[in-house]
Amino acid sequence: MKTDDFDYDLPTGLIAQHPAEPRDACRLMVVDRTSGQIDHREFRDILEYLRAGDVLVVNQTRVLPARLRGAKDETGGAVEVLLLRRSYEDAWECLVKPGRRLKPGARIVFGEGELTGLVVDVLEDSGARLIQFHTGSGTFLDAVHRLGEMPLPPYITEPLRDPSEYQTVYATDEHSVAAPTAGLHFSEGLLDEVRRAGVHIASVELDVGLDTFRPVSADDPHDHVIHTEHYRVREHAADTVNDARARGSRVVAVGTTSVRALESAFNETTGLVEASEGLTDLFILPGFSFGVVDALVTNFHVPRSTLMMMVSAFAGRELIMRAYESARTEHYRFLSFGDAMLIL
């Protein structure tokens, strides 16, 4: 297995710059793993493929406006900081630009000085900086909401029409620097219809980091190190999933992040999903044995990414590559704001 096995040509014109309006009006490709059949539908048609008793598992994490623009205190040079995850108190692991100029001891000023950051350390494994933040008044998160911007992926070059475009309708606590994008297709109205159809909805959390979406640079995927992300599967979600599996109903994961949370919480010995919380570095490659997930709602992913490898593990590489070729031929919209795929 080589990383090149998960590569494909993605024309720039197929990369969606804005979500569908309304969000559940995007296209839906339905891929049957058993027959290999590929159907082209609209996302609202997902109701036809869900059964009473199924559990739809969503990642309810919310995206933090994690991109901060400031200036180096000594020189006034422009600095861009991207919050990755909280380390302790108001100290965060961050990506910074320009990185080589921000060594330990450097001070960054944001806004009119209402927020400052002191570079404490350089993290050798990632090149990220550990920055201790200080606010003149209020909390750190208050300052982030006043000064921060949504951290859109670099392939989205047009500004958001509204910040809510990059949030799912069920998002709650802010922990992520990227959206669990498969969930962006669900509207409140569609979720109500899902519930009326007798489908249960369970919420988990996985704090989405940038590494999830980065292309794999190593020739052999096994040489790629995926960074850890924090997940939470609470007791109610675990019970809902286990009850469904016990009665023979399906677990339908919305997004690869929900898959990682569920499979990280799965106990192979007991055969149950356990209420748990912690860091996961689960890297799902072809050959992986899925313990929980029966169907997957996902988007069309970046070439050579860990997400391409995960969906190939779930559906088979040949079928996925055929589905992607069909998506290009049919002019589907790709990546975060693009169209959806349902793998059964």
C-alpha atoms as a PDB file:
ATOM      1  CA  MET A   1       0.000   0.000   0.000  1.00  0.00           C
ATOM      2  CA  LYS A   2       1.328   3.408  -1.051  1.00  0.00           C
ATOM      3  CA  THR A   3       0.103   6.927  -0.443  1.00  0.00           C
ATOM      4  CA  ASP A   4      -0.131   7.343  -4.215  1.00  0.00           C
ATOM      5  CA  ASP A   5      -2.910   4.740  -4.151  1.00  0.00           C
ATOM      6  CA  PHE A   6      -5.174   7.399  -2.614  1.00  0.00           C
ATOM      7  CA  ASP A   7      -4.335  10.202  -5.027  1.00  0.00           C
ATOM      8  CA  TYR A   8      -6.606  11.648  -7.706  1.00  0.00           C
ATOM      9  CA  ASP A   9      -6.788  14.768  -9.837  1.00  0.00           C
ATOM     10  CA  LEU A  10      -8.999  17.455  -8.295  1.00  0.00           C
ATOM     11  CA  PRO A  11      -9.778  20.384 -10.617  1.00  0.00           C
ATOM     12  CA  THR A  12      -9.845  23.690  -8.736  1.00  0.00           C
ATOM     13  CA  GLY A  13     -13.236  24.478 -10.238  1.00  0.00           C
ATOM     14  CA  LEU A  14     -14.825  21.577  -8.330  1.00  0.00           C
ATOM     15  CA  ILE A  15     -13.760  22.881  -4.901  1.00  0.00           C
ATOM     16  CA  ALA A  16     -16.838  24.429  -3.295  1.00  0.00           C
ATOM     17  CA  GLN A  17     -16.355  27.943  -1.906  1.00  0.00           C
ATOM     18  CA  HIS A  18     -19.744  28.217  -0.178  1.00  0.00           C
ATOM     19  CA  PRO A  19     -22.223  25.669   1.180  1.00  0.00           C
ATOM     20  CA  ALA A  20     -25.419  24.810  -0.642  1.00  0.00           C
ATOM     21  CA  GLU A  21     -28.379  27.042   0.119  1.00  0.00           C
ATOM     22  CA  PRO A  22     -30.342  25.691   1.875  1.00  0.00           C
ATOM     23  CA  ARG A  23     -27.701  23.422   3.338  1.00  0.00           C
ATOM     24  CA  ASP A  24     -29.700  20.200   2.833  1.00  0.00           C
ATOM     25  CA  ALA A  25     -30.110  20.943  -0.904  1.00  0.00           C
ATOM     26  CA  CYS A  26     -26.663  19.647  -1.857  1.00  0.00           C
ATOM     27  CA  ARG A  27     -26.181  16.502  -3.917  1.00  0.00           C
ATOM     28  CA  LEU A  28     -25.836  13.069  -2.353  1.00  0.00           C
ATOM     29  CA  MET A  29     -23.945  10.159  -3.866  1.00  0.00           C
ATOM     30  CA  VAL A  30     -25.118   6.838  -2.450  1.00  0.00           C
ATOM     31  CA  VAL A  31     -22.532   4.055  -2.569  1.00  0.00           C
ATOM     32  CA  ASP A  32     -23.545   0.470  -1.800  1.00  0.00           C
ATOM     33  CA  ARG A  33     -20.577  -1.552  -0.523  1.00  0.00           C
ATOM     34  CA  THR A  34     -22.281  -4.884  -1.210  1.00  0.00           C
ATOM     35  CA  SER A  35     -23.410  -4.368  -4.806  1.00  0.00           C
ATOM     36  CA  GLY A  36     -20.986  -1.612  -5.811  1.00  0.00           C
ATOM     37  CA  GLN A  37     -23.930   0.413  -7.109  1.00  0.00           C
ATOM     38  CA  ILE A  38     -23.598   4.201  -7.197  1.00  0.00           C
ATOM     39  CA  ASP A  39     -26.708   6.407  -7.220  1.00  0.00           C
ATOM     40  CA  HIS A  40     -27.023  10.171  -7.538  1.00  0.00           C
ATOM     41  CA  ARG A  41     -29.589  11.845  -5.307  1.00  0.00           C
ATOM     42  CA  GLU A  42     -30.191  15.009  -3.263  1.00  0.00           C
ATOM     43  CA  PHE A  43     -29.190  15.153   0.394  1.00  0.00           C
ATOM     44  CA  ARG A  44     -32.791  15.356   1.582  1.00  0.00           C
ATOM     45  CA  ASP A  45     -33.257  11.889   0.064  1.00  0.00           C
ATOM     46  CA  ILE A  46     -31.117  10.445   2.862  1.00  0.00           C
ATOM     47  CA  LEU A  47     -34.396   9.745   4.671  1.00  0.00           C
ATOM     48  CA  GLU A  48     -35.105   7.004   2.138  1.00  0.00           C
ATOM     49  CA  TYR A  49     -31.974   5.155   3.257  1.00  0.00           C
ATOM     50  CA  LEU A  50     -32.456   5.424   7.015  1.00  0.00           C
ATOM     51  CA  ARG A  51     -34.563   2.901   8.904  1.00  0.00           C
ATOM     52  CA  ALA A  52     -36.568   3.193  12.100  1.00  0.00           C
ATOM     53  CA  GLY A  53     -34.322   2.093  14.950  1.00  0.00           C
ATOM     54  CA  ASP A  54     -31.099   3.250  13.296  1.00  0.00           C
ATOM     55  CA  VAL A  55     -28.825   5.591  15.250  1.00  0.00           C
ATOM     56  CA  LEU A  56     -27.411   8.651  13.535  1.00  0.00           C
ATOM     57  CA  VAL A  57     -24.224   9.642  15.387  1.00  0.00           C
ATOM     58  CA  VAL A  58     -23.131  13.272  15.039  1.00  0.00           C
ATOM     59  CA  ASN A  59     -20.060  15.169  16.235  1.00  0.00           C
ATOM     60  CA  GLN A  60     -21.435  18.142  18.159  1.00  0.00           C
ATOM     61  CA  THR A  61     -18.149  20.025  18.556  1.00  0.00           C
ATOM     62  CA  ARG A  62     -18.219  23.712  17.664  1.00  0.00           C
ATOM     63  CA  VAL A  63     -15.553  25.639  15.753  1.00  0.00           C
ATOM     64  CA  LEU A  64     -13.671  28.307  17.680  1.00  0.00           C
ATOM     65  CA  PRO A  65     -12.843  31.559  15.790  1.00  0.00           C
ATOM     66  CA  ALA A  66      -9.275  30.448  16.218  1.00  0.00           C
ATOM     67  CA  ARG A  67      -7.372  32.632  13.729  1.00  0.00           C
ATOM     68  CA  LEU A  68      -5.878  35.698  15.411  1.00  0.00           C
ATOM     69  CA  ARG A  69      -4.021  38.494  13.648  1.00  0.00           C
ATOM     70  CA  GLY A  70      -1.574  40.557  15.672  1.00  0.00           C
ATOM     71  CA  ALA A  71       1.824  42.206  15.657  1.00  0.00           C
ATOM     72  CA  LYS A  72       5.194  41.424  17.199  1.00  0.00           C
ATOM     73  CA  ASP A  73       5.652  43.791  20.120  1.00  0.00           C
ATOM     74  CA  GLU A  74       9.279  44.765  19.402  1.00  0.00           C
ATOM     75  CA  THR A  75       9.014  45.377  15.652  1.00  0.00           C
ATOM     76  CA  GLY A  76       5.338  45.746  14.791  1.00  0.00           C
ATOM     77  CA  GLY A  77       5.691  42.984  12.201  1.00  0.00           C
ATOM     78  CA  ALA A  78       2.483  41.208  11.270  1.00  0.00           C
ATOM     79  CA  VAL A  79       1.853  37.882  12.995  1.00  0.00           C
ATOM     80  CA  GLU A  80      -0.853  35.299  12.406  1.00  0.00           C
ATOM     81  CA  VAL A  81      -1.695  32.802  15.154  1.00  0.00           C
ATOM     82  CA  LEU A  82      -3.918  29.747  14.818  1.00  0.00           C
ATOM     83  CA  LEU A  83      -5.081  28.200  18.088  1.00  0.00           C
ATOM     84  CA  LEU A  84      -4.784  24.423  17.970  1.00  0.00           C
ATOM     85  CA  ARG A  85      -5.621  23.243  21.457  1.00  0.00           C
ATOM     86  CA  ARG A  86      -5.529  24.348  25.049  1.00  0.00           C
ATOM     87  CA  SER A  87      -2.562  23.102  27.045  1.00  0.00           C
ATOM     88  CA  TYR A  88      -3.245  24.620  30.479  1.00  0.00           C
ATOM     89  CA  GLU A  89      -4.976  27.732  31.848  1.00  0.00           C
ATOM     90  CA  ASP A  90      -4.790  30.216  28.957  1.00  0.00           C
ATOM     91  CA  ALA A  91      -1.768  28.572  27.320  1.00  0.00           C
ATOM     92  CA  TRP A  92      -2.408  27.124  23.860  1.00  0.00           C
ATOM     93  CA  GLU A  93      -0.529  25.149  21.259  1.00  0.00           C
ATOM     94  CA  CYS A  94      -0.552  27.352  18.160  1.00  0.00           C
ATOM     95  CA  LEU A  95       0.617  27.513  14.590  1.00  0.00           C
ATOM     96  CA  VAL A  96       2.259  30.849  13.850  1.00  0.00           C
ATOM     97  CA  LYS A  97       3.334  32.854  10.810  1.00  0.00           C
ATOM     98  CA  PRO A  98       6.134  33.738  10.373  1.00  0.00           C
ATOM     99  CA  GLY A  99       7.294  30.917  12.608  1.00  0.00           C
ATOM    100  CA  ARG A 100      11.050  31.395  12.383  1.00  0.00           C
ATOM    101  CA  ARG A 101      10.810  34.889  13.867  1.00  0.00           C
ATOM    102  CA  LEU A 102       8.765  33.880  16.886  1.00  0.00           C
ATOM    103  CA  LYS A 103      11.128  32.308  19.375  1.00  0.00           C
ATOM    104  CA  PRO A 104      10.556  31.814  23.112  1.00  0.00           C
ATOM    105  CA  GLY A 105      10.278  35.188  24.784  1.00  0.00           C
ATOM    106  CA  ALA A 106       8.610  36.914  21.809  1.00  0.00           C
ATOM    107  CA  ARG A 107       5.532  38.961  22.714  1.00  0.00           C
ATOM    108  CA  ILE A 108       2.541  39.372  20.392  1.00  0.00           C
ATOM    109  CA  VAL A 109      -0.090  42.101  20.673  1.00  0.00           C
ATOM    110  CA  PHE A 110      -3.626  41.635  19.346  1.00  0.00           C
ATOM    111  CA  GLY A 111      -6.196  44.363  18.758  1.00  0.00           C
ATOM    112  CA  GLU A 112      -5.468  47.487  20.785  1.00  0.00           C
ATOM    113  CA  GLY A 113      -3.523  45.510  23.352  1.00  0.00           C
ATOM    114  CA  GLU A 114      -6.610  43.911  24.878  1.00  0.00           C
ATOM    115  CA  LEU A 115      -4.984  40.530  24.290  1.00  0.00           C
ATOM    116  CA  THR A 116      -1.294  39.659  24.376  1.00  0.00           C
ATOM    117  CA  GLY A 117       0.592  36.416  23.913  1.00  0.00           C
ATOM    118  CA  LEU A 118       4.018  35.320  25.128  1.00  0.00           C
ATOM    119  CA  VAL A 119       5.794  32.535  23.227  1.00  0.00           C
ATOM    120  CA  VAL A 120       6.804  30.066  25.945  1.00  0.00           C
ATOM    121  CA  ASP A 121       8.183  27.150  23.953  1.00  0.00           C
ATOM    122  CA  VAL A 122       8.674  25.618  20.518  1.00  0.00           C
ATOM    123  CA  LEU A 123       7.168  22.127  20.254  1.00  0.00           C
ATOM    124  CA  GLU A 124       9.764  20.064  18.440  1.00  0.00           C
ATOM    125  CA  ASP A 125       7.467  17.366  17.059  1.00  0.00           C
ATOM    126  CA  SER A 126       5.199  19.804  15.200  1.00  0.00           C
ATOM    127  CA  GLY A 127       6.980  23.152  15.097  1.00  0.00           C
ATOM    128  CA  ALA A 128       3.969  24.688  16.847  1.00  0.00           C
ATOM    129  CA  ARG A 129       4.415  27.288  19.579  1.00  0.00           C
ATOM    130  CA  LEU A 130       3.147  27.153  23.123  1.00  0.00           C
ATOM    131  CA  ILE A 131       1.760  30.632  23.793  1.00  0.00           C
ATOM    132  CA  GLN A 132       0.598  31.999  27.147  1.00  0.00           C
ATOM    133  CA  PHE A 133      -2.181  34.535  26.626  1.00  0.00           C
ATOM    134  CA  HIS A 134      -3.129  37.458  28.870  1.00  0.00           C
ATOM    135  CA  THR A 135      -6.215  39.675  28.658  1.00  0.00           C
ATOM    136  CA  GLY A 136      -6.678  43.211  29.888  1.00  0.00           C
ATOM    137  CA  SER A 137     -10.260  42.453  30.940  1.00  0.00           C
ATOM    138  CA  GLY A 138     -12.724  39.616  30.590  1.00  0.00           C
ATOM    139  CA  THR A 139     -11.855  36.033  29.711  1.00  0.00           C
ATOM    140  CA  PHE A 140      -9.530  34.739  27.051  1.00  0.00           C
ATOM    141  CA  LEU A 141     -12.433  33.283  25.076  1.00  0.00           C
ATOM    142  CA  ASP A 142     -14.254  36.623  25.237  1.00  0.00           C
ATOM    143  CA  ALA A 143     -11.221  38.213  23.594  1.00  0.00           C
ATOM    144  CA  VAL A 144     -11.023  35.452  20.988  1.00  0.00           C
ATOM    145  CA  HIS A 145     -14.646  36.058  20.023  1.00  0.00           C
ATOM    146  CA  ARG A 146     -14.001  39.773  19.629  1.00  0.00           C
ATOM    147  CA  LEU A 147     -10.766  39.429  17.670  1.00  0.00           C
ATOM    148  CA  GLY A 148     -10.743  35.987  16.079  1.00  0.00           C
ATOM    149  CA  GLU A 149     -11.767  34.762  12.640  1.00  0.00           C
ATOM    150  CA  MET A 150     -13.093  31.410  11.474  1.00  0.00           C
ATOM    151  CA  PRO A 151     -10.099  29.239  10.505  1.00  0.00           C
ATOM    152  CA  LEU A 152     -11.196  28.221   7.031  1.00  0.00           C
ATOM    153  CA  PRO A 153      -9.086  25.673   5.131  1.00  0.00           C
ATOM    154  CA  PRO A 154      -6.666  27.231   2.620  1.00  0.00           C
ATOM    155  CA  TYR A 155      -8.616  25.870  -0.345  1.00  0.00           C
ATOM    156  CA  ILE A 156     -11.571  28.085   0.602  1.00  0.00           C
ATOM    157  CA  THR A 157     -10.480  31.454  -0.748  1.00  0.00           C
ATOM    158  CA  GLU A 158     -13.770  33.364  -0.610  1.00  0.00           C
ATOM    159  CA  PRO A 159     -14.985  34.943   2.650  1.00  0.00           C
ATOM    160  CA  LEU A 160     -17.897  33.485   4.578  1.00  0.00           C
ATOM    161  CA  ARG A 161     -21.219  35.154   3.995  1.00  0.00           C
ATOM    162  CA  ASP A 162     -22.059  34.337   7.616  1.00  0.00           C
ATOM    163  CA  PRO A 163     -19.891  32.630  10.306  1.00  0.00           C
ATOM    164  CA  SER A 164     -22.713  30.145  10.926  1.00  0.00           C
ATOM    165  CA  GLU A 165     -22.017  28.629   7.497  1.00  0.00           C
ATOM    166  CA  TYR A 166     -19.023  26.847   9.054  1.00  0.00           C
ATOM    167  CA  GLN A 167     -20.975  25.476  12.034  1.00  0.00           C
ATOM    168  CA  THR A 168     -23.332  22.516  12.193  1.00  0.00           C
ATOM    169  CA  VAL A 169     -26.841  23.306  13.428  1.00  0.00           C
ATOM    170  CA  TYR A 170     -26.249  21.045  16.458  1.00  0.00           C
ATOM    171  CA  ALA A 171     -22.818  22.418  17.456  1.00  0.00           C
ATOM    172  CA  THR A 172     -22.404  23.060  21.205  1.00  0.00           C
ATOM    173  CA  ASP A 173     -19.077  23.506  23.031  1.00  0.00           C
ATOM    174  CA  GLU A 174     -16.233  25.215  21.168  1.00  0.00           C
ATOM    175  CA  HIS A 175     -13.244  22.908  20.946  1.00  0.00           C
ATOM    176  CA  SER A 176     -12.343  22.602  17.259  1.00  0.00           C
ATOM    177  CA  VAL A 177     -10.269  24.506  14.715  1.00  0.00           C
ATOM    178  CA  ALA A 178     -12.073  22.874  11.784  1.00  0.00           C
ATOM    179  CA  ALA A 179     -15.694  21.899  11.267  1.00  0.00           C
ATOM    180  CA  PRO A 180     -16.931  18.294  11.173  1.00  0.00           C
ATOM    181  CA  THR A 181     -18.047  19.084   7.652  1.00  0.00           C
ATOM    182  CA  ALA A 182     -20.284  16.087   6.887  1.00  0.00           C
ATOM    183  CA  GLY A 183     -22.696  17.503   9.450  1.00  0.00           C
ATOM    184  CA  LEU A 184     -22.998  20.818   7.641  1.00  0.00           C
ATOM    185  CA  HIS A 185     -25.578  19.264   5.302  1.00  0.00           C
ATOM    186  CA  PHE A 186     -28.178  18.733   8.024  1.00  0.00           C
ATOM    187  CA  SER A 187     -30.805  21.413   8.639  1.00  0.00           C
ATOM    188  CA  GLU A 188     -33.008  21.601  11.740  1.00  0.00           C
ATOM    189  CA  GLY A 189     -35.984  20.651   9.586  1.00  0.00           C
ATOM    190  CA  LEU A 190     -34.271  17.581   8.155  1.00  0.00           C
ATOM    191  CA  LEU A 191     -33.189  16.440  11.629  1.00  0.00           C
ATOM    192  CA  ASP A 192     -36.806  16.748  12.786  1.00  0.00           C
ATOM    193  CA  GLU A 193     -37.843  14.508   9.900  1.00  0.00           C
ATOM    194  CA  VAL A 194     -35.131  12.029  10.847  1.00  0.00           C
ATOM    195  CA  ARG A 195     -36.511  11.830  14.385  1.00  0.00           C
ATOM    196  CA  ARG A 196     -40.103  11.458  13.148  1.00  0.00           C
ATOM    197  CA  ALA A 197     -38.918   8.525  11.018  1.00  0.00           C
ATOM    198  CA  GLY A 198     -37.949   6.706  14.228  1.00  0.00           C
ATOM    199  CA  VAL A 199     -34.217   7.235  13.845  1.00  0.00           C
ATOM    200  CA  HIS A 200     -32.338   8.025  17.055  1.00  0.00           C
ATOM    201  CA  ILE A 201     -29.695  10.750  17.161  1.00  0.00           C
ATOM    202  CA  ALA A 202     -26.673  10.368  19.441  1.00  0.00           C
ATOM    203  CA  SER A 203     -24.018  13.028  19.979  1.00  0.00           C
ATOM    204  CA  VAL A 204     -20.312  12.468  20.499  1.00  0.00           C
ATOM    205  CA  GLU A 205     -17.421  14.914  20.385  1.00  0.00           C
ATOM    206  CA  LEU A 206     -14.068  14.887  18.689  1.00  0.00           C
ATOM    207  CA  ASP A 207     -12.081  18.114  18.701  1.00  0.00           C
ATOM    208  CA  VAL A 208     -11.139  18.454  15.050  1.00  0.00           C
ATOM    209  CA  GLY A 209      -7.552  19.519  14.392  1.00  0.00           C
ATOM    210  CA  LEU A 210      -5.846  20.525  11.174  1.00  0.00           C
ATOM    211  CA  ASP A 211      -3.743  17.370  10.917  1.00  0.00           C
ATOM    212  CA  THR A 212      -6.834  15.337  10.066  1.00  0.00           C
ATOM    213  CA  PHE A 213      -7.099  17.083   6.702  1.00  0.00           C
ATOM    214  CA  ARG A 214      -3.440  17.371   5.742  1.00  0.00           C
ATOM    215  CA  PRO A 215      -2.195  15.275   2.825  1.00  0.00           C
ATOM    216  CA  VAL A 216       0.112  12.444   3.810  1.00  0.00           C
ATOM    217  CA  SER A 217       3.658  13.212   2.672  1.00  0.00           C
ATOM    218  CA  ALA A 218       5.245   9.837   3.447  1.00  0.00           C
ATOM    219  CA  ASP A 219       5.361   7.347   0.561  1.00  0.00           C
ATOM    220  CA  ASP A 220       4.107   4.622   2.874  1.00  0.00           C
ATOM    221  CA  PRO A 221       1.005   5.630   4.905  1.00  0.00           C
ATOM    222  CA  HIS A 222       2.252   3.521   7.806  1.00  0.00           C
ATOM    223  CA  ASP A 223       5.096   6.028   8.215  1.00  0.00           C
ATOM    224  CA  HIS A 224       2.676   8.924   8.709  1.00  0.00           C
ATOM    225  CA  VAL A 225       2.159  10.098  12.282  1.00  0.00           C
ATOM    226  CA  ILE A 226      -1.338  11.397  12.911  1.00  0.00           C
ATOM    227  CA  HIS A 227      -1.568  13.832  15.803  1.00  0.00           C
ATOM    228  CA  THR A 228      -3.855  13.172  18.731  1.00  0.00           C
ATOM    229  CA  GLU A 229      -7.317  14.673  19.043  1.00  0.00           C
ATOM    230  CA  HIS A 230      -9.512  14.768  22.112  1.00  0.00           C
ATOM    231  CA  TYR A 231     -12.757  12.771  22.030  1.00  0.00           C
ATOM    232  CA  ARG A 232     -15.728  12.323  24.355  1.00  0.00           C
ATOM    233  CA  VAL A 233     -18.378   9.620  24.229  1.00  0.00           C
ATOM    234  CA  ARG A 234     -20.804  10.130  27.066  1.00  0.00           C
ATOM    235  CA  GLU A 235     -22.892   7.421  28.719  1.00  0.00           C
ATOM    236  CA  HIS A 236     -26.144   8.298  26.929  1.00  0.00           C
ATOM    237  CA  ALA A 237     -24.498   8.085  23.507  1.00  0.00           C
ATOM    238  CA  ALA A 238     -22.747   4.814  24.360  1.00  0.00           C
ATOM    239  CA  ASP A 239     -26.002   3.285  25.630  1.00  0.00           C
ATOM    240  CA  THR A 240     -27.946   4.457  22.564  1.00  0.00           C
ATOM    241  CA  VAL A 241     -25.388   2.918  20.203  1.00  0.00           C
ATOM    242  CA  ASN A 242     -25.082  -0.334  22.153  1.00  0.00           C
ATOM    243  CA  ASP A 243     -28.866  -0.744  22.357  1.00  0.00           C
ATOM    244  CA  ALA A 244     -29.167  -0.265  18.593  1.00  0.00           C
ATOM    245  CA  ARG A 245     -26.474  -2.835  17.873  1.00  0.00           C
ATOM    246  CA  ALA A 246     -28.078  -5.300  20.303  1.00  0.00           C
ATOM    247  CA  ARG A 247     -31.391  -5.158  18.430  1.00  0.00           C
ATOM    248  CA  GLY A 248     -29.739  -5.407  15.008  1.00  0.00           C
ATOM    249  CA  SER A 249     -30.200  -1.779  13.992  1.00  0.00           C
ATOM    250  CA  ARG A 250     -27.491   0.198  12.210  1.00  0.00           C
ATOM    251  CA  VAL A 251     -25.070   2.802  13.480  1.00  0.00           C
ATOM    252  CA  VAL A 252     -24.791   5.568  10.872  1.00  0.00           C
ATOM    253  CA  ALA A 253     -21.835   7.859  11.562  1.00  0.00           C
ATOM    254  CA  VAL A 254     -22.011  11.442  10.318  1.00  0.00           C
ATOM    255  CA  GLY A 255     -18.451  12.230   9.343  1.00  0.00           C
ATOM    256  CA  THR A 256     -15.062  10.634   9.772  1.00  0.00           C
ATOM    257  CA  THR A 257     -14.624  12.406  13.118  1.00  0.00           C
ATOM    258  CA  SER A 258     -17.662  10.576  14.515  1.00  0.00           C
ATOM    259  CA  VAL A 259     -16.126   7.329  13.249  1.00  0.00           C
ATOM    260  CA  ARG A 260     -12.855   8.024  15.067  1.00  0.00           C
ATOM    261  CA  ALA A 261     -14.692   8.834  18.303  1.00  0.00           C
ATOM    262  CA  LEU A 262     -16.866   5.708  18.153  1.00  0.00           C
ATOM    263  CA  GLU A 263     -14.102   3.312  17.168  1.00  0.00           C
ATOM    264  CA  SER A 264     -11.791   4.821  19.804  1.00  0.00           C
ATOM    265  CA  ALA A 265     -14.426   4.133  22.460  1.00  0.00           C
ATOM    266  CA  PHE A 266     -15.070   0.564  21.263  1.00  0.00           C
ATOM    267  CA  ASN A 267     -13.912  -2.250  23.542  1.00  0.00           C
ATOM    268  CA  GLU A 268     -13.032  -5.282  21.423  1.00  0.00           C
ATOM    269  CA  THR A 269     -13.183  -7.590  24.432  1.00  0.00           C
ATOM    270  CA  THR A 270     -16.748  -6.715  25.452  1.00  0.00           C
ATOM    271  CA  GLY A 271     -17.946  -5.743  21.988  1.00  0.00           C
ATOM    272  CA  LEU A 272     -19.420  -2.558  23.416  1.00  0.00           C
ATOM    273  CA  VAL A 273     -18.898   1.162  23.035  1.00  0.00           C
ATOM    274  CA  GLU A 274     -17.800   2.484  26.408  1.00  0.00           C
ATOM    275  CA  ALA A 275     -18.448   5.922  27.837  1.00  0.00           C
ATOM    276  CA  SER A 276     -14.972   7.395  27.695  1.00  0.00           C
ATOM    277  CA  GLU A 277     -12.913  10.512  27.138  1.00  0.00           C
ATOM    278  CA  GLY A 278      -9.301  11.012  26.188  1.00  0.00           C
ATOM    279  CA  LEU A 279      -6.804  11.487  23.398  1.00  0.00           C
ATOM    280  CA  THR A 280      -6.940   9.337  20.282  1.00  0.00           C
ATOM    281  CA  ASP A 281      -4.368   8.855  17.558  1.00  0.00           C
ATOM    282  CA  LEU A 282      -6.433   6.205  15.792  1.00  0.00           C
ATOM    283  CA  PHE A 283      -5.311   6.067  12.148  1.00  0.00           C
ATOM    284  CA  ILE A 284      -7.753   4.014  10.076  1.00  0.00           C
ATOM    285  CA  LEU A 285      -6.192   2.400   7.021  1.00  0.00           C
ATOM    286  CA  PRO A 286      -7.439  -0.348   4.683  1.00  0.00           C
ATOM    287  CA  GLY A 287      -7.445  -3.584   6.636  1.00  0.00           C
ATOM    288  CA  PHE A 288      -8.938  -1.956   9.726  1.00  0.00           C
ATOM    289  CA  SER A 289     -11.735  -3.948  11.370  1.00  0.00           C
ATOM    290  CA  PHE A 290     -14.655  -1.637  12.150  1.00  0.00           C
ATOM    291  CA  GLY A 291     -16.325  -2.586  15.405  1.00  0.00           C
ATOM    292  CA  VAL A 292     -19.194  -0.090  15.512  1.00  0.00           C
ATOM    293  CA  VAL A 293     -20.005   1.785  12.308  1.00  0.00           C
ATOM    294  CA  ASP A 294     -22.375   0.270   9.723  1.00  0.00           C
ATOM    295  CA  ALA A 295     -22.879   3.256   7.399  1.00  0.00           C
ATOM    296  CA  LEU A 296     -21.131   6.566   6.880  1.00  0.00           C
ATOM    297  CA  VAL A 297     -22.142  10.058   5.761  1.00  0.00           C
ATOM    298  CA  THR A 298     -19.072  11.877   4.502  1.00  0.00           C
ATOM    299  CA  ASN A 299     -17.805  14.507   2.060  1.00  0.00           C
ATOM    300  CA  PHE A 300     -15.372  14.242  -0.858  1.00  0.00           C
ATOM    301  CA  HIS A 301     -11.908  14.561   0.620  1.00  0.00           C
ATOM    302  CA  VAL A 302      -8.493  15.994  -0.176  1.00  0.00           C
ATOM    303  CA  PRO A 303      -6.299  13.664  -2.293  1.00  0.00           C
ATOM    304  CA  ARG A 304      -3.716  11.612  -0.355  1.00  0.00           C
ATOM    305  CA  SER A 305      -5.322  12.507   2.990  1.00  0.00           C
ATOM    306  CA  THR A 306      -5.931  10.291   6.008  1.00  0.00           C
ATOM    307  CA  LEU A 307      -9.647  10.747   5.283  1.00  0.00           C
ATOM    308  CA  MET A 308      -9.283   9.216   1.823  1.00  0.00           C
ATOM    309  CA  MET A 309      -7.604   6.285   3.520  1.00  0.00           C
ATOM    310  CA  MET A 310     -10.373   5.948   6.098  1.00  0.00           C
ATOM    311  CA  VAL A 311     -13.227   5.888   3.569  1.00  0.00           C
ATOM    312  CA  SER A 312     -11.203   3.406   1.497  1.00  0.00           C
ATOM    313  CA  ALA A 313     -10.880   1.221   4.593  1.00  0.00           C
ATOM    314  CA  PHE A 314     -14.642   1.368   5.020  1.00  0.00           C
ATOM    315  CA  ALA A 315     -15.787   0.834   1.435  1.00  0.00           C
ATOM    316  CA  GLY A 316     -12.748  -0.596  -0.358  1.00  0.00           C
ATOM    317  CA  ARG A 317     -10.225   1.454  -2.291  1.00  0.00           C
ATOM    318  CA  GLU A 318     -11.381   0.405  -5.766  1.00  0.00           C
ATOM    319  CA  LEU A 319     -15.008   1.324  -5.082  1.00  0.00           C
ATOM    320  CA  ILE A 320     -14.035   4.669  -3.548  1.00  0.00           C
ATOM    321  CA  MET A 321     -11.789   5.598  -6.468  1.00  0.00           C
ATOM    322  CA  ARG A 322     -14.589   4.663  -8.880  1.00  0.00           C
ATOM    323  CA  ALA A 323     -17.015   6.801  -6.871  1.00  0.00           C
ATOM    324  CA  TYR A 324     -14.622   9.756  -6.969  1.00  0.00           C
ATOM    325  CA  GLU A 325     -14.199   9.394 -10.725  1.00  0.00           C
ATOM    326  CA  SER A 326     -17.984   9.416 -11.053  1.00  0.00           C
ATOM    327  CA  ALA A 327     -18.172  12.513  -8.837  1.00  0.00           C
ATOM    328  CA  ARG A 328     -15.735  14.363 -11.088  1.00  0.00           C
ATOM    329  CA  THR A 329     -17.590  13.297 -14.234  1.00  0.00           C
ATOM    330  CA  GLU A 330     -20.905  14.414 -12.745  1.00  0.00           C
ATOM    331  CA  HIS A 331     -19.393  17.692 -11.500  1.00  0.00           C
ATOM    332  CA  TYR A 332     -19.989  17.164  -7.802  1.00  0.00           C
ATOM    333  CA  ARG A 333     -18.673  19.863  -5.471  1.00  0.00           C
ATOM    334  CA  PHE A 334     -15.698  18.733  -3.384  1.00  0.00           C
ATOM    335  CA  LEU A 335     -14.198  19.275   0.096  1.00  0.00           C
ATOM    336  CA  SER A 336     -15.580  21.107   3.145  1.00  0.00           C
ATOM    337  CA  PHE A 337     -18.511  22.960   1.561  1.00  0.00           C
ATOM    338  CA  GLY A 338     -19.045  20.364  -1.147  1.00  0.00           C
ATOM    339  CA  ASP A 339     -21.561  17.607  -1.736  1.00  0.00           C
ATOM    340  CA  ALA A 340     -22.049  14.472   0.331  1.00  0.00           C
ATOM    341  CA  MET A 341     -21.597  10.735   0.045  1.00  0.00           C
ATOM    342  CA  LEU A 342     -23.578   8.065   1.896  1.00  0.00           C
ATOM    343  CA  ILE A 343     -21.743   4.743   2.116  1.00  0.00           C
ATOM    344  CA  LEU A 344     -24.042   1.827   2.990  1.00  0.00           C
END
